[in-house]
């Protein structure tokens, strides 16, 4: 053998050895091999042992628990507010709209960023004291009354409620604010407090981008007496109200002290991701709507919380990313269930009004949506409805099955056939064993497969990914139908090599951290993080950012 050839071969082996070492030792990379064990990042110091990034630097700063509203100080009617945008870039302006029940009373705005911060959960970014209150009206959710809102308009045909409040404060967001989910906390002179959430955008090329479901926040928001659920539904034998077909982002949130779903479904994932120092940027689903290239330079997309309402454009953007090999993780359940559209608000600001007629072929009411017969691809029905015919499991892998309104959900149970799945390596999660308390619910998804592997519902069989792997099979009971059911966590590998993972439960995110907005009395001290499921999530995070062989993972 010639010396030149020997040198070439040796050089190749040296380079290959270096690459393999880097590949296996890096905490943020993983192999597509079935026998690769993913390792939970070292968190002994509260951050990952991986490379320095904006998230690790931010979480090294001093945190606080003062982002929490103390018991007894929750505002009901005393002070309410919202922000003029769901997200903002550092260096740009953000407008706050605030109404105090008492005219000219003083109040302040404290702005917190949610994160790990050595377990404290947040950091105070700035305080704006001594503001003079404007009595612009308020919503009494207990009495279901909109009070003294002279500027509010209610469209009787659509149910749309807009406040038309005057701006109360304009914040110039500092350029050095780290991307994240933020809470503005409004506190009046009597220490009554409420929230308004928003996102600060970050790097366009971070490994992960975590997206908040602001369209779903708005769909459930019945501030002013109207939401997409406030409803033709019959409650205890009485028709409550006409269901709105349009809802506005130009009003406060009336649930969870104005924080909407952030503290109930999402905060635990934020704490965990930042505890382990993942290179993540945050954005709103309205950013996915506005920027079709938002995901292009990221390696993984994370759908946070209850992500139910999607436009055609939003879905196309995520599908295009998936087709390019960008990993997807759906952290809640009931994702991509209803199609919606955007309209401008009455001032002409784009994407501030959410439109969803919720028509269904089975109800023979498709003509209620003005787009029916003009462009059925944007008709606001369920994505699985024949008029749209794009079931959500084609992308998510699984699809919504049922729900319970009981506070207590169900344990998460590892599926019998899951023992050999690579995502369970190193987790110590055992087949047929149950984990957590109340972590499956209040809505759940399932794979469109019966126990013998045949389609559970032939209507959606063609859209079930061929290589779908079921991780969990958790028995459930619907509080609506009283029927038994099952919830599945699952994943598949797309032809592009992208991993798509779905938890199949809205409460699944609570397994990642001990924080609870509300402690389930049926769970007590069992309502805590589940180490094995944290390890599973670490495996998922590692697998999301690399491409895999669809037939061997």
Protein backbone atom coordinates (compact mmCIF):
# COMPACT_ATOMS: atom_id res chain seq x y z
CA UNK A 1 0.00 0.00 0.00
CA UNK A 2 1.38 3.41 -0.94
CA UNK A 3 2.33 5.82 1.86
CA UNK A 4 0.00 8.48 0.45
CA UNK A 5 -2.92 6.07 0.69
CA UNK A 6 -2.01 5.16 4.28
CA UNK A 7 -1.91 8.82 5.27
CA UNK A 8 -5.28 9.37 3.63
CA UNK A 9 -6.89 6.45 5.49
CA UNK A 10 -5.38 7.48 8.82
CA UNK A 11 -6.60 11.03 8.31
CA UNK A 12 -10.09 9.77 7.56
CA UNK A 13 -10.11 7.68 10.75
CA UNK A 14 -8.92 10.63 12.84
CA UNK A 15 -11.63 12.91 11.48
CA UNK A 16 -14.28 10.22 11.86
CA UNK A 17 -13.20 9.59 15.44
CA UNK A 18 -13.40 13.28 16.30
CA UNK A 19 -16.86 13.58 14.77
CA UNK A 20 -18.14 10.50 16.62
CA UNK A 21 -16.77 11.81 19.90
CA UNK A 22 -18.42 15.16 19.40
CA UNK A 23 -21.68 13.53 18.34
CA UNK A 24 -21.98 11.31 21.39
CA UNK A 25 -20.65 13.75 23.97
CA UNK A 26 -22.69 16.76 22.93
CA UNK A 27 -25.74 17.15 25.23
CA UNK A 28 -27.85 18.61 22.44
CA UNK A 29 -27.19 16.05 19.67
CA UNK A 30 -28.25 12.46 19.22
CA UNK A 31 -27.94 9.54 16.85
CA UNK A 32 -30.74 8.10 14.79
CA UNK A 33 -29.64 4.65 15.86
CA UNK A 34 -32.10 2.58 17.86
CA UNK A 35 -29.50 1.75 20.50
CA UNK A 36 -28.43 5.32 21.18
CA UNK A 37 -29.28 6.35 24.76
CA UNK A 38 -30.24 9.99 25.18
CA UNK A 39 -28.98 11.63 28.33
CA UNK A 40 -30.66 14.23 30.49
CA UNK A 41 -28.57 17.40 30.63
CA UNK A 42 -26.66 17.98 33.85
CA UNK A 43 -28.72 20.40 35.91
CA UNK A 44 -26.86 20.36 39.19
CA UNK A 45 -26.20 24.07 38.86
CA UNK A 46 -29.64 24.90 37.57
CA UNK A 47 -28.49 25.17 33.95
CA UNK A 48 -27.28 22.75 31.35
CA UNK A 49 -23.71 21.62 31.06
CA UNK A 50 -23.86 22.53 27.37
CA UNK A 51 -22.61 25.59 25.53
CA UNK A 52 -23.25 29.14 26.67
CA UNK A 53 -26.35 30.76 25.18
CA UNK A 54 -28.84 33.53 25.88
CA UNK A 55 -31.03 31.25 28.02
CA UNK A 56 -28.22 30.07 30.31
CA UNK A 57 -26.94 33.63 30.72
CA UNK A 58 -30.42 34.92 31.52
CA UNK A 59 -31.13 32.23 34.09
CA UNK A 60 -27.88 32.95 35.92
CA UNK A 61 -29.42 36.29 36.95
CA UNK A 62 -31.33 36.85 40.18
CA UNK A 63 -34.90 35.58 40.12
CA UNK A 64 -37.93 36.18 42.29
CA UNK A 65 -41.28 34.66 43.19
CA UNK A 66 -42.98 38.05 43.22
CA UNK A 67 -44.41 37.32 39.75
CA UNK A 68 -47.04 35.29 41.62
CA UNK A 69 -50.21 37.00 42.79
CA UNK A 70 -50.63 36.32 46.53
CA UNK A 71 -53.81 34.60 47.60
CA UNK A 72 -56.52 37.14 48.37
CA UNK A 73 -55.03 39.84 46.15
CA UNK A 74 -56.46 38.63 42.85
CA UNK A 75 -58.32 41.36 40.99
CA UNK A 76 -61.85 40.50 39.99
CA UNK A 77 -63.08 43.87 38.72
CA UNK A 78 -60.61 46.36 40.24
CA UNK A 79 -57.93 46.45 37.52
CA UNK A 80 -57.87 44.78 34.10
CA UNK A 81 -55.60 45.21 31.13
CA UNK A 82 -54.15 43.80 27.92
CA UNK A 83 -51.28 44.42 25.52
CA UNK A 84 -51.53 45.68 21.96
CA UNK A 85 -49.51 42.80 20.49
CA UNK A 86 -48.93 39.16 21.36
CA UNK A 87 -45.19 39.54 20.78
CA UNK A 88 -42.56 42.23 20.42
CA UNK A 89 -38.97 42.48 19.26
CA UNK A 90 -36.38 43.90 21.67
CA UNK A 91 -35.99 47.60 21.01
CA UNK A 92 -39.56 48.03 19.79
CA UNK A 93 -42.59 49.58 21.51
CA UNK A 94 -45.40 47.75 23.27
CA UNK A 95 -48.65 49.47 24.26
CA UNK A 96 -50.58 48.56 27.41
CA UNK A 97 -54.29 49.20 27.76
CA UNK A 98 -55.42 49.29 31.40
CA UNK A 99 -58.70 50.10 33.11
CA UNK A 100 -59.14 50.73 36.83
CA UNK A 101 -62.53 50.52 38.45
CA UNK A 102 -61.79 53.68 40.45
CA UNK A 103 -60.97 56.71 38.26
CA UNK A 104 -57.51 58.26 38.66
CA UNK A 105 -56.44 55.76 41.31
CA UNK A 106 -52.75 55.06 41.20
CA UNK A 107 -51.42 51.75 39.92
CA UNK A 108 -48.18 50.24 38.74
CA UNK A 109 -47.02 47.78 36.11
CA UNK A 110 -44.39 45.19 36.98
CA UNK A 111 -43.03 43.14 34.12
CA UNK A 112 -41.66 39.67 34.75
CA UNK A 113 -39.96 37.15 32.53
CA UNK A 114 -40.81 33.50 33.20
CA UNK A 115 -37.88 31.09 33.44
CA UNK A 116 -35.96 28.82 35.80
CA UNK A 117 -33.88 31.25 37.89
CA UNK A 118 -32.72 28.63 40.42
CA UNK A 119 -36.30 27.43 40.82
CA UNK A 120 -37.86 30.83 41.55
CA UNK A 121 -39.67 30.81 38.22
CA UNK A 122 -39.33 34.42 37.11
CA UNK A 123 -37.31 37.63 37.06
CA UNK A 124 -38.47 41.20 37.54
CA UNK A 125 -37.46 43.11 34.41
CA UNK A 126 -38.84 46.55 35.18
CA UNK A 127 -41.41 48.41 37.29
CA UNK A 128 -43.46 51.41 36.22
CA UNK A 129 -44.95 52.99 39.37
CA UNK A 130 -47.31 55.90 40.02
CA UNK A 131 -49.48 55.60 36.94
CA UNK A 132 -52.88 57.31 36.99
CA UNK A 133 -55.78 54.95 36.42
CA UNK A 134 -58.36 55.38 33.68
CA UNK A 135 -61.84 54.01 34.35
CA UNK A 136 -62.53 52.55 30.92
CA UNK A 137 -64.90 49.78 31.98
CA UNK A 138 -64.52 46.28 33.31
CA UNK A 139 -65.98 42.81 33.03
CA UNK A 140 -67.59 41.20 36.06
CA UNK A 141 -67.08 37.51 35.29
CA UNK A 142 -69.03 36.36 38.33
CA UNK A 143 -72.14 38.25 37.31
CA UNK A 144 -71.28 37.98 33.58
CA UNK A 145 -71.75 41.73 33.15
CA UNK A 146 -69.80 44.27 31.13
CA UNK A 147 -69.82 47.40 33.25
CA UNK A 148 -69.26 51.09 32.38
CA UNK A 149 -67.41 50.44 29.13
CA UNK A 150 -68.59 53.39 27.08
CA UNK A 151 -66.19 52.64 24.24
CA UNK A 152 -66.89 48.90 24.01
CA UNK A 153 -68.67 47.66 20.92
CA UNK A 154 -70.54 44.37 20.67
CA UNK A 155 -71.50 43.10 17.24
CA UNK A 156 -74.83 41.36 17.66
CA UNK A 157 -74.43 39.34 14.46
CA UNK A 158 -70.97 37.89 15.25
CA UNK A 159 -70.67 38.32 19.03
CA UNK A 160 -67.43 40.28 18.56
CA UNK A 161 -66.47 42.41 21.59
CA UNK A 162 -63.84 45.14 21.24
CA UNK A 163 -62.87 47.57 24.00
CA UNK A 164 -61.51 50.56 22.04
CA UNK A 165 -59.72 51.65 25.22
CA UNK A 166 -57.26 54.49 25.23
CA UNK A 167 -53.59 53.56 25.58
CA UNK A 168 -52.40 53.65 29.18
CA UNK A 169 -48.64 53.16 28.87
CA UNK A 170 -46.13 52.62 26.09
CA UNK A 171 -43.06 50.56 26.90
CA UNK A 172 -39.88 50.84 24.90
CA UNK A 173 -38.68 47.27 25.25
CA UNK A 174 -34.96 47.30 26.10
CA UNK A 175 -32.72 45.82 23.43
CA UNK A 176 -31.08 43.50 25.95
CA UNK A 177 -34.27 41.74 27.07
CA UNK A 178 -33.95 38.01 26.50
CA UNK A 179 -36.50 36.18 24.43
CA UNK A 180 -39.18 34.62 26.57
CA UNK A 181 -42.74 34.55 27.85
CA UNK A 182 -43.45 37.68 29.89
CA UNK A 183 -46.20 38.66 32.29
CA UNK A 184 -47.20 42.25 32.89
CA UNK A 185 -48.68 42.43 36.39
CA UNK A 186 -51.02 45.34 37.08
CA UNK A 187 -51.40 46.37 40.76
CA UNK A 188 -53.84 49.01 41.94
CA UNK A 189 -53.68 51.21 45.05
CA UNK A 190 -55.40 48.51 47.12
CA UNK A 191 -52.90 45.88 45.96
CA UNK A 192 -55.40 44.09 43.73
CA UNK A 193 -53.50 42.44 40.90
CA UNK A 194 -54.01 40.96 37.43
CA UNK A 195 -51.86 39.89 34.48
CA UNK A 196 -51.43 40.28 30.74
CA UNK A 197 -49.06 37.93 28.86
CA UNK A 198 -46.84 38.63 25.86
CA UNK A 199 -43.74 37.19 24.19
CA UNK A 200 -40.38 38.81 23.49
CA UNK A 201 -38.91 37.47 20.28
CA UNK A 202 -35.34 36.25 19.96
CA UNK A 203 -32.81 34.70 17.62
CA UNK A 204 -34.09 33.53 14.26
CA UNK A 205 -31.58 30.66 14.30
CA UNK A 206 -31.77 29.19 17.81
CA UNK A 207 -31.97 25.39 17.87
CA UNK A 208 -35.53 25.42 19.20
CA UNK A 209 -38.44 27.79 18.76
CA UNK A 210 -41.25 27.50 21.33
CA UNK A 211 -44.58 28.94 20.20
CA UNK A 212 -47.43 30.16 22.41
CA UNK A 213 -51.02 29.39 21.27
CA UNK A 214 -52.43 32.92 21.45
CA UNK A 215 -55.23 32.14 19.01
CA UNK A 216 -56.52 29.50 21.41
CA UNK A 217 -56.15 31.90 24.35
CA UNK A 218 -58.45 34.27 22.50
CA UNK A 219 -60.94 31.62 21.43
CA UNK A 220 -61.66 30.73 25.07
CA UNK A 221 -61.61 34.32 26.33
CA UNK A 222 -65.15 35.41 27.18
CA UNK A 223 -64.23 38.80 28.62
CA UNK A 224 -67.21 40.99 27.82
CA UNK A 225 -69.54 38.00 27.73
CA UNK A 226 -68.57 36.53 24.38
CA UNK A 227 -66.18 33.83 23.16
CA UNK A 228 -66.18 30.96 20.70
CA UNK A 229 -67.57 28.91 23.59
CA UNK A 230 -70.08 31.17 25.10
CA UNK A 231 -72.36 29.44 23.36
CA UNK A 232 -75.25 27.81 21.66
CA UNK A 233 -74.39 25.05 24.12
CA UNK A 234 -77.06 23.99 26.56
CA UNK A 235 -76.00 24.24 30.20
CA UNK A 236 -78.23 22.58 32.82
CA UNK A 237 -81.13 22.67 30.45
CA UNK A 238 -80.84 26.37 29.58
CA UNK A 239 -79.42 27.96 26.44
CA UNK A 240 -76.82 30.35 27.86
CA UNK A 241 -76.00 32.68 25.02
CA UNK A 242 -75.30 32.83 21.33
CA UNK A 243 -71.90 31.46 20.47
CA UNK A 244 -69.66 34.12 18.96
CA UNK A 245 -68.10 33.50 15.56
CA UNK A 246 -65.54 36.28 15.99
CA UNK A 247 -63.36 37.13 18.99
CA UNK A 248 -60.97 40.00 19.48
CA UNK A 249 -57.47 40.23 20.87
CA UNK A 250 -58.33 43.81 21.85
CA UNK A 251 -59.57 42.93 25.33
CA UNK A 252 -58.20 41.50 28.61
CA UNK A 253 -58.24 37.81 29.43
CA UNK A 254 -60.86 36.94 32.02
CA UNK A 255 -59.40 33.63 33.26
CA UNK A 256 -56.47 32.88 35.55
CA UNK A 257 -56.24 36.52 36.64
CA UNK A 258 -55.59 37.61 33.07
CA UNK A 259 -52.74 35.16 32.39
CA UNK A 260 -54.98 32.97 30.22
CA UNK A 261 -53.41 29.51 29.88
CA UNK A 262 -49.77 30.47 30.50
CA UNK A 263 -49.53 29.49 34.17
CA UNK A 264 -51.83 26.47 33.98
CA UNK A 265 -50.45 24.59 30.97
CA UNK A 266 -47.18 26.19 29.85
CA UNK A 267 -45.09 27.49 32.78
CA UNK A 268 -43.79 24.03 33.70
CA UNK A 269 -42.30 23.48 30.24
CA UNK A 270 -40.70 26.92 30.30
CA UNK A 271 -39.16 26.24 33.72
CA UNK A 272 -37.81 22.86 32.60
CA UNK A 273 -36.46 23.99 29.23
CA UNK A 274 -34.63 26.90 30.82
CA UNK A 275 -33.39 24.87 33.78
CA UNK A 276 -31.57 22.69 31.29
CA UNK A 277 -30.26 25.54 29.21
CA UNK A 278 -31.69 24.66 25.82
CA UNK A 279 -31.02 27.17 23.06
CA UNK A 280 -34.59 28.34 22.57
CA UNK A 281 -36.41 31.37 21.21
CA UNK A 282 -40.05 32.16 21.89
CA UNK A 283 -42.74 33.41 19.55
CA UNK A 284 -46.51 33.64 19.23
CA UNK A 285 -48.56 31.63 16.77
CA UNK A 286 -49.44 35.01 15.31
CA UNK A 287 -45.78 35.25 14.30
CA UNK A 288 -46.17 31.90 12.51
CA UNK A 289 -49.13 33.48 10.70
CA UNK A 290 -47.26 36.66 9.80
CA UNK A 291 -43.93 35.12 8.77
CA UNK A 292 -44.05 32.00 6.61
CA UNK A 293 -40.26 31.63 6.97
CA UNK A 294 -40.21 31.96 10.77
CA UNK A 295 -39.14 28.35 11.34
CA UNK A 296 -36.64 27.98 8.50
CA UNK A 297 -33.41 28.46 10.48
CA UNK A 298 -34.46 26.57 13.61
CA UNK A 299 -33.98 22.84 14.06
CA UNK A 300 -37.11 22.16 16.09
CA UNK A 301 -40.55 23.68 16.63
CA UNK A 302 -42.31 23.26 20.00
CA UNK A 303 -46.06 23.82 20.23
CA UNK A 304 -46.75 24.90 23.82
CA UNK A 305 -49.94 24.24 25.75
CA UNK A 306 -53.42 23.91 24.31
CA UNK A 307 -52.87 24.70 20.62
CA UNK A 308 -56.31 24.16 19.13
CA UNK A 309 -56.97 26.96 16.60
CA UNK A 310 -54.90 27.15 13.38
CA UNK A 311 -55.19 29.00 10.10
CA UNK A 312 -54.42 27.41 6.76
CA UNK A 313 -51.26 29.52 6.57
CA UNK A 314 -50.05 28.51 10.04
CA UNK A 315 -50.45 24.85 9.20
CA UNK A 316 -48.66 25.27 5.87
CA UNK A 317 -45.71 26.95 7.59
CA UNK A 318 -45.31 24.15 10.13
CA UNK A 319 -45.82 21.45 7.50
CA UNK A 320 -43.17 23.02 5.27
CA UNK A 321 -40.75 23.01 8.20
CA UNK A 322 -41.59 19.35 8.90
CA UNK A 323 -40.96 18.51 5.24
CA UNK A 324 -37.52 20.15 5.45
CA UNK A 325 -36.46 17.99 8.41
CA UNK A 326 -37.32 20.36 11.26
CA UNK A 327 -38.52 18.40 14.31
CA UNK A 328 -41.94 19.05 15.84
CA UNK A 329 -43.16 18.59 19.41
CA UNK A 330 -46.79 19.06 20.42
CA UNK A 331 -46.75 19.52 24.18
CA UNK A 332 -50.50 19.58 24.75
CA UNK A 333 -53.49 17.85 23.19
CA UNK A 334 -56.30 18.82 20.81
CA UNK A 335 -53.83 20.59 18.51
CA UNK A 336 -54.99 21.69 15.04
CA UNK A 337 -58.62 20.85 15.81
CA UNK A 338 -60.51 23.91 14.51
CA UNK A 339 -59.58 25.87 11.45
CA UNK A 340 -59.84 29.65 11.84
CA UNK A 341 -59.15 32.79 9.86
CA UNK A 342 -57.89 36.23 10.79
CA UNK A 343 -59.51 39.60 10.15
CA UNK A 344 -58.26 43.08 11.07
CA UNK A 345 -59.76 44.81 14.08
CA UNK A 346 -62.03 47.83 13.63
CA UNK A 347 -58.97 50.10 13.53
CA UNK A 348 -57.56 48.12 10.61
CA UNK A 349 -54.78 46.37 12.56
CA UNK A 350 -54.16 43.00 10.94
CA UNK A 351 -54.56 39.68 12.75
CA UNK A 352 -56.42 41.04 15.77
CA UNK A 353 -59.76 39.32 15.13
CA UNK A 354 -60.16 35.53 15.12
CA UNK A 355 -62.93 34.10 12.96
CA UNK A 356 -64.35 30.60 13.42
CA UNK A 357 -67.91 29.75 12.47
CA UNK A 358 -67.41 26.13 13.61
CA UNK A 359 -69.57 24.74 10.85
CA UNK A 360 -69.80 21.00 10.33
CA UNK A 361 -70.88 18.83 7.45
CA UNK A 362 -72.83 16.63 9.86
CA UNK A 363 -74.81 19.66 11.08
CA UNK A 364 -75.64 20.72 7.52
CA UNK A 365 -74.70 24.28 8.38
CA UNK A 366 -71.67 24.87 6.12
CA UNK A 367 -73.32 27.84 4.45
CA UNK A 368 -73.04 29.85 7.68
CA UNK A 369 -69.39 30.38 6.77
CA UNK A 370 -69.26 32.94 3.92
CA UNK A 371 -66.24 31.15 2.44
CA UNK A 372 -68.15 27.93 1.84
CA UNK A 373 -68.45 27.36 -1.90
CA UNK A 374 -65.86 30.07 -2.57
CA UNK A 375 -62.77 28.48 -1.02
CA UNK A 376 -63.57 25.41 1.04
CA UNK A 377 -59.90 25.04 2.02
CA UNK A 378 -60.36 27.91 4.50
CA UNK A 379 -63.84 27.06 5.78
CA UNK A 380 -63.79 27.24 9.56
CA UNK A 381 -64.75 23.71 10.41
CA UNK A 382 -62.80 20.97 12.14
CA UNK A 383 -59.70 20.09 10.17
CA UNK A 384 -60.96 16.50 10.04
CA UNK A 385 -64.38 17.50 8.69
CA UNK A 386 -64.99 16.35 5.09
CA UNK A 387 -65.31 19.97 3.92
CA UNK A 388 -61.63 20.53 4.76
CA UNK A 389 -60.56 16.87 4.87
CA UNK A 390 -57.16 17.39 6.49
CA UNK A 391 -57.30 15.43 9.78
CA UNK A 392 -54.82 16.67 12.35
CA UNK A 393 -53.13 13.31 12.76
CA UNK A 394 -51.57 13.70 9.32
CA UNK A 395 -49.17 16.13 10.99
CA UNK A 396 -49.46 15.53 14.76
CA UNK A 397 -49.58 11.74 14.43
CA UNK A 398 -52.52 11.43 16.84
CA UNK A 399 -55.82 13.26 17.10
CA UNK A 400 -58.27 14.57 19.69
CA UNK A 401 -60.46 11.89 21.26
CA UNK A 402 -62.29 13.16 24.37
CA UNK A 403 -62.16 15.13 27.62
CA UNK A 404 -63.09 15.31 31.27
CA UNK A 405 -64.19 18.38 33.18
CA UNK A 406 -63.30 16.76 36.48
CA UNK A 407 -60.28 18.51 37.96
CA UNK A 408 -58.53 15.22 38.50
CA UNK A 409 -57.25 13.58 35.33
CA UNK A 410 -55.71 10.15 34.98
CA UNK A 411 -52.26 8.58 35.41
CA UNK A 412 -49.96 8.20 32.40
CA UNK A 413 -49.29 4.55 31.56
CA UNK A 414 -46.44 3.26 29.38
CA UNK A 415 -47.69 1.10 26.53
CA UNK A 416 -46.80 -2.63 26.65
CA UNK A 417 -45.03 -2.55 23.29
CA UNK A 418 -42.99 0.57 24.10
CA UNK A 419 -40.12 -1.08 26.01
CA UNK A 420 -37.74 -1.15 23.03
CA UNK A 421 -38.44 2.37 21.78
CA UNK A 422 -35.29 4.52 21.72
CA UNK A 423 -37.05 7.48 23.36
CA UNK A 424 -37.50 5.41 26.52
CA UNK A 425 -33.81 4.49 26.81
CA UNK A 426 -32.40 5.67 30.15
CA UNK A 427 -35.76 6.88 31.49
CA UNK A 428 -36.52 3.90 33.78
CA UNK A 429 -40.12 4.10 32.57
CA UNK A 430 -41.59 0.60 32.58
CA UNK A 431 -44.29 -0.88 30.33
CA UNK A 432 -47.75 -1.13 31.92
CA UNK A 433 -46.65 1.08 34.83
CA UNK A 434 -48.54 4.26 35.74
CA UNK A 435 -46.86 7.60 36.43
CA UNK A 436 -48.02 10.94 37.74
CA UNK A 437 -51.35 12.00 39.17
CA UNK A 438 -53.95 13.68 37.02
CA UNK A 439 -51.53 14.25 34.14
CA UNK A 440 -53.79 12.80 31.43
CA UNK A 441 -56.61 15.26 30.73
CA UNK A 442 -58.46 17.48 30.69
CA UNK A 443 -58.48 16.80 26.94
CA UNK A 444 -56.57 13.95 25.38
CA UNK A 445 -55.58 12.56 22.01
CA UNK A 446 -55.24 9.00 20.82
CA UNK A 447 -53.69 7.15 17.92
CA UNK A 448 -56.17 6.11 15.28
CA UNK A 449 -55.35 2.48 15.97
CA UNK A 450 -57.19 -0.21 17.87
CA UNK A 451 -55.20 -2.59 20.11
CA UNK A 452 -54.70 -5.04 17.22
CA UNK A 453 -53.23 -2.33 15.02
CA UNK A 454 -56.22 -1.84 12.73
CA UNK A 455 -57.74 1.63 12.26
CA UNK A 456 -60.02 2.66 15.11
CA UNK A 457 -61.84 5.01 12.77
CA UNK A 458 -61.51 4.27 9.05
CA UNK A 459 -62.20 7.91 8.22
CA UNK A 460 -58.77 8.89 9.50
CA UNK A 461 -56.81 5.72 8.72
CA UNK A 462 -55.20 7.08 5.57
CA UNK A 463 -53.75 10.04 7.47
CA UNK A 464 -52.14 8.06 10.29
CA UNK A 465 -48.35 8.10 9.72
CA UNK A 466 -47.20 4.65 8.63
CA UNK A 467 -44.43 4.42 11.23
CA UNK A 468 -46.33 5.80 14.21
CA UNK A 469 -44.92 4.50 17.51
CA UNK A 470 -47.19 4.54 20.59
CA UNK A 471 -45.31 5.36 23.80
CA UNK A 472 -48.19 5.40 26.27
CA UNK A 473 -51.64 3.91 26.48
CA UNK A 474 -53.47 5.55 29.40
CA UNK A 475 -57.05 4.51 30.30
CA UNK A 476 -59.46 7.43 30.58
CA UNK A 477 -63.15 8.09 31.10
CA UNK A 478 -65.03 10.95 29.50
CA UNK A 479 -67.06 13.11 31.86
CA UNK A 480 -69.24 14.03 28.86
CA UNK A 481 -70.17 10.59 27.55
CA UNK A 482 -69.14 8.45 30.57
CA UNK A 483 -67.45 6.14 28.09
CA UNK A 484 -64.03 4.59 28.62
CA UNK A 485 -61.28 5.73 26.28
CA UNK A 486 -57.51 5.79 25.98
CA UNK A 487 -54.91 8.53 25.62
CA UNK A 488 -51.70 7.97 23.68
CA UNK A 489 -48.35 9.71 23.61
CA UNK A 490 -46.70 8.89 20.30
CA UNK A 491 -44.08 9.80 17.74
CA UNK A 492 -43.15 9.12 14.15
CA UNK A 493 -40.33 9.94 11.77
CA UNK A 494 -41.36 11.93 8.70
CA UNK A 495 -39.90 11.06 5.28
CA UNK A 496 -37.68 14.13 5.75
CA UNK A 497 -36.12 12.49 8.82
CA UNK A 498 -37.85 14.87 11.24
CA UNK A 499 -39.12 13.54 14.56
CA UNK A 500 -42.71 14.45 15.38
CA UNK A 501 -43.62 13.89 19.05
CA UNK A 502 -47.00 14.45 20.69
CA UNK A 503 -47.80 14.09 24.39
CA UNK A 504 -51.51 13.45 23.83
CA UNK A 505 -52.60 15.27 27.00
CA UNK A 506 -53.07 18.91 27.94
CA UNK A 507 -51.82 18.30 31.50
CA UNK A 508 -48.72 16.34 30.37
CA UNK A 509 -46.50 19.42 30.72
CA UNK A 510 -47.09 19.43 34.48
CA UNK A 511 -44.83 16.35 34.72
CA UNK A 512 -41.80 18.51 33.94
CA UNK A 513 -41.84 20.79 37.00
CA UNK A 514 -43.31 21.03 40.50
CA UNK A 515 -45.06 24.36 39.94
CA UNK A 516 -48.86 24.22 39.90
CA UNK A 517 -51.21 27.12 39.32
CA UNK A 518 -53.79 25.00 41.14
CA UNK A 519 -53.09 21.96 43.28
CA UNK A 520 -55.47 19.11 42.57
CA UNK A 521 -56.85 18.08 45.99
CA UNK A 522 -57.19 14.50 44.77
CA UNK A 523 -53.47 14.34 44.07
CA UNK A 524 -52.01 16.21 47.05
CA UNK A 525 -48.26 15.76 47.30
CA UNK A 526 -48.36 13.34 44.35
CA UNK A 527 -48.88 16.32 42.06
CA UNK A 528 -45.20 16.81 41.32
CA UNK A 529 -42.71 16.43 38.50
CA UNK A 530 -42.11 12.86 37.28
CA UNK A 531 -38.37 12.15 36.84
CA UNK A 532 -38.87 9.42 34.23
CA UNK A 533 -41.06 11.68 32.11
CA UNK A 534 -38.52 14.49 32.47
CA UNK A 535 -35.91 12.06 31.13
CA UNK A 536 -38.25 11.16 28.27
CA UNK A 537 -38.58 14.85 27.44
CA UNK A 538 -34.79 15.20 27.42
CA UNK A 539 -34.61 12.35 24.93
CA UNK A 540 -37.25 14.03 22.80
CA UNK A 541 -35.38 17.34 22.85
CA UNK A 542 -32.19 15.62 21.72
CA UNK A 543 -33.96 13.68 18.98
CA UNK A 544 -35.84 16.72 17.65
CA UNK A 545 -32.74 18.48 16.36
CA UNK A 546 -31.31 15.68 14.19
CA UNK A 547 -32.63 13.74 11.24
CA UNK A 548 -33.44 10.05 11.53
CA UNK A 549 -34.00 7.06 9.30
CA UNK A 550 -37.79 6.67 9.16
CA UNK A 551 -37.47 2.89 9.12
CA UNK A 552 -35.05 2.41 12.02
CA UNK A 553 -36.00 4.78 14.83
